[in-house]
Amino acid sequence: MSEYLDQVKDQIRANVIKSGLKIEPRGKNSFVLKKEGTDFMIIRDTSDQVEISFQGQRYQYDKYYTKPEHLAQVILNVVSAQLG
């Protein structure tokens, strides 16, 4: 797993677990947040960008402008809004 994604995972781990989600690795440079066995969100490192797939939409963030802590906050905001 990329260092960038490792930092993101470390920052979101406690909060996503409280929300009932599991973090599972998927492939070399991605992980998935799962809820009750189904994919809730997929986070993938594509070299220059990080891609988030959520509810059929794909969002891309430039890694050089989006620090891991900022991406982690985006993920936590979505989790909070969706799962309360």
C-alpha atoms as a PDB file:
ATOM      1  CA  MET A   1       0.000   0.000   0.000  1.00  0.00           C
ATOM      2  CA  SER A   2       1.263   3.477  -0.767  1.00  0.00           C
ATOM      3  CA  GLU A   3       2.543   5.654   2.058  1.00  0.00           C
ATOM      4  CA  TYR A   4      -0.130   8.232   1.193  1.00  0.00           C
ATOM      5  CA  LEU A   5      -2.957   5.704   1.642  1.00  0.00           C
ATOM      6  CA  ASP A   6      -1.378   4.353   4.825  1.00  0.00           C
ATOM      7  CA  GLN A   7      -1.503   7.865   6.294  1.00  0.00           C
ATOM      8  CA  VAL A   8      -5.133   8.297   5.235  1.00  0.00           C
ATOM      9  CA  LYS A   9      -6.081   4.928   6.756  1.00  0.00           C
ATOM     10  CA  ASP A  10      -4.369   5.748  10.037  1.00  0.00           C
ATOM     11  CA  GLN A  11      -6.291   9.010  10.303  1.00  0.00           C
ATOM     12  CA  ILE A  12      -9.727   7.563   9.554  1.00  0.00           C
ATOM     13  CA  ARG A  13      -9.469   4.147  11.245  1.00  0.00           C
ATOM     14  CA  ALA A  14     -10.978   4.967  14.660  1.00  0.00           C
ATOM     15  CA  ASN A  15     -13.904   6.960  13.298  1.00  0.00           C
ATOM     16  CA  VAL A  16     -14.900   4.548  10.542  1.00  0.00           C
ATOM     17  CA  ILE A  17     -14.840   1.615  12.953  1.00  0.00           C
ATOM     18  CA  LYS A  18     -17.163   3.556  15.298  1.00  0.00           C
ATOM     19  CA  SER A  19     -19.492   4.023  12.323  1.00  0.00           C
ATOM     20  CA  GLY A  20     -19.675   0.264  11.773  1.00  0.00           C
ATOM     21  CA  LEU A  21     -17.372   0.137   8.741  1.00  0.00           C
ATOM     22  CA  LYS A  22     -14.436  -2.168   8.110  1.00  0.00           C
ATOM     23  CA  ILE A  23     -11.244  -1.205   6.284  1.00  0.00           C
ATOM     24  CA  GLU A  24     -10.031  -3.920   3.911  1.00  0.00           C
ATOM     25  CA  PRO A  25      -7.103  -3.793   1.487  1.00  0.00           C
ATOM     26  CA  ARG A  26      -7.973  -4.243  -2.172  1.00  0.00           C
ATOM     27  CA  GLY A  27      -5.080  -4.777  -4.512  1.00  0.00           C
ATOM     28  CA  LYS A  28      -1.710  -3.121  -4.331  1.00  0.00           C
ATOM     29  CA  ASN A  29      -2.713   0.518  -3.952  1.00  0.00           C
ATOM     30  CA  SER A  30      -6.278   0.670  -2.742  1.00  0.00           C
ATOM     31  CA  PHE A  31      -8.560  -0.123   0.140  1.00  0.00           C
ATOM     32  CA  VAL A  32     -12.280  -0.366   0.615  1.00  0.00           C
ATOM     33  CA  LEU A  33     -14.601   0.685   3.398  1.00  0.00           C
ATOM     34  CA  LYS A  34     -17.178  -2.062   3.838  1.00  0.00           C
ATOM     35  CA  LYS A  35     -20.531  -1.966   5.564  1.00  0.00           C
ATOM     36  CA  GLU A  36     -22.255  -5.267   6.263  1.00  0.00           C
ATOM     37  CA  GLY A  37     -20.177  -7.027   3.617  1.00  0.00           C
ATOM     38  CA  THR A  38     -20.837  -4.568   0.795  1.00  0.00           C
ATOM     39  CA  ASP A  39     -18.559  -1.849  -0.556  1.00  0.00           C
ATOM     40  CA  PHE A  40     -19.368   1.539   0.920  1.00  0.00           C
ATOM     41  CA  MET A  41     -16.408   3.472  -0.515  1.00  0.00           C
ATOM     42  CA  ILE A  42     -13.281   2.562  -2.488  1.00  0.00           C
ATOM     43  CA  ILE A  43     -10.113   4.634  -2.141  1.00  0.00           C
ATOM     44  CA  ARG A  44      -7.433   4.069  -4.780  1.00  0.00           C
ATOM     45  CA  ASP A  45      -3.976   5.588  -5.303  1.00  0.00           C
ATOM     46  CA  THR A  46      -3.362   6.036  -9.039  1.00  0.00           C
ATOM     47  CA  SER A  47       0.148   7.466  -8.772  1.00  0.00           C
ATOM     48  CA  ASP A  48      -0.462  11.215  -9.189  1.00  0.00           C
ATOM     49  CA  GLN A  49      -4.035  11.167  -7.942  1.00  0.00           C
ATOM     50  CA  VAL A  50      -6.209   9.533  -5.345  1.00  0.00           C
ATOM     51  CA  GLU A  51      -9.590   8.362  -6.512  1.00  0.00           C
ATOM     52  CA  ILE A  52     -12.655   7.850  -4.329  1.00  0.00           C
ATOM     53  CA  SER A  53     -15.538   5.778  -5.666  1.00  0.00           C
ATOM     54  CA  PHE A  54     -18.779   6.331  -3.786  1.00  0.00           C
ATOM     55  CA  GLN A  55     -22.381   5.599  -4.788  1.00  0.00           C
ATOM     56  CA  GLY A  56     -21.525   5.121  -8.447  1.00  0.00           C
ATOM     57  CA  GLN A  57     -19.527   8.357  -8.678  1.00  0.00           C
ATOM     58  CA  ARG A  58     -15.773   8.767  -8.995  1.00  0.00           C
ATOM     59  CA  TYR A  59     -13.965  11.702  -7.390  1.00  0.00           C
ATOM     60  CA  GLN A  60     -10.312  12.473  -8.092  1.00  0.00           C
ATOM     61  CA  TYR A  61      -7.907  14.425  -5.910  1.00  0.00           C
ATOM     62  CA  ASP A  62      -4.421  15.515  -6.908  1.00  0.00           C
ATOM     63  CA  LYS A  63      -2.014  14.057  -4.335  1.00  0.00           C
ATOM     64  CA  TYR A  64       0.371  16.971  -4.608  1.00  0.00           C
ATOM     65  CA  TYR A  65      -2.296  19.490  -3.589  1.00  0.00           C
ATOM     66  CA  THR A  66      -4.407  17.328  -1.280  1.00  0.00           C
ATOM     67  CA  LYS A  67      -2.568  16.273   1.859  1.00  0.00           C
ATOM     68  CA  PRO A  68      -3.512  12.915   3.441  1.00  0.00           C
ATOM     69  CA  GLU A  69      -5.134  14.660   6.428  1.00  0.00           C
ATOM     70  CA  HIS A  70      -7.354  16.707   4.095  1.00  0.00           C
ATOM     71  CA  LEU A  71      -8.484  13.643   2.151  1.00  0.00           C
ATOM     72  CA  ALA A  72      -9.104  11.845   5.449  1.00  0.00           C
ATOM     73  CA  GLN A  73     -11.397  14.695   6.513  1.00  0.00           C
ATOM     74  CA  VAL A  74     -13.340  14.467   3.229  1.00  0.00           C
ATOM     75  CA  ILE A  75     -13.855  10.727   3.813  1.00  0.00           C
ATOM     76  CA  LEU A  76     -14.930  11.274   7.424  1.00  0.00           C
ATOM     77  CA  ASN A  77     -17.383  13.993   6.365  1.00  0.00           C
ATOM     78  CA  VAL A  78     -19.034  11.615   3.879  1.00  0.00           C
ATOM     79  CA  VAL A  79     -19.162   8.789   6.423  1.00  0.00           C
ATOM     80  CA  SER A  80     -20.686  11.103   9.022  1.00  0.00           C
ATOM     81  CA  ALA A  81     -23.279  12.488   6.592  1.00  0.00           C
ATOM     82  CA  GLN A  82     -24.285   9.029   5.350  1.00  0.00           C
ATOM     83  CA  LEU A  83     -24.195   7.044   8.577  1.00  0.00           C
ATOM     84  CA  GLY A  84     -24.805   9.775  11.148  1.00  0.00           C
END
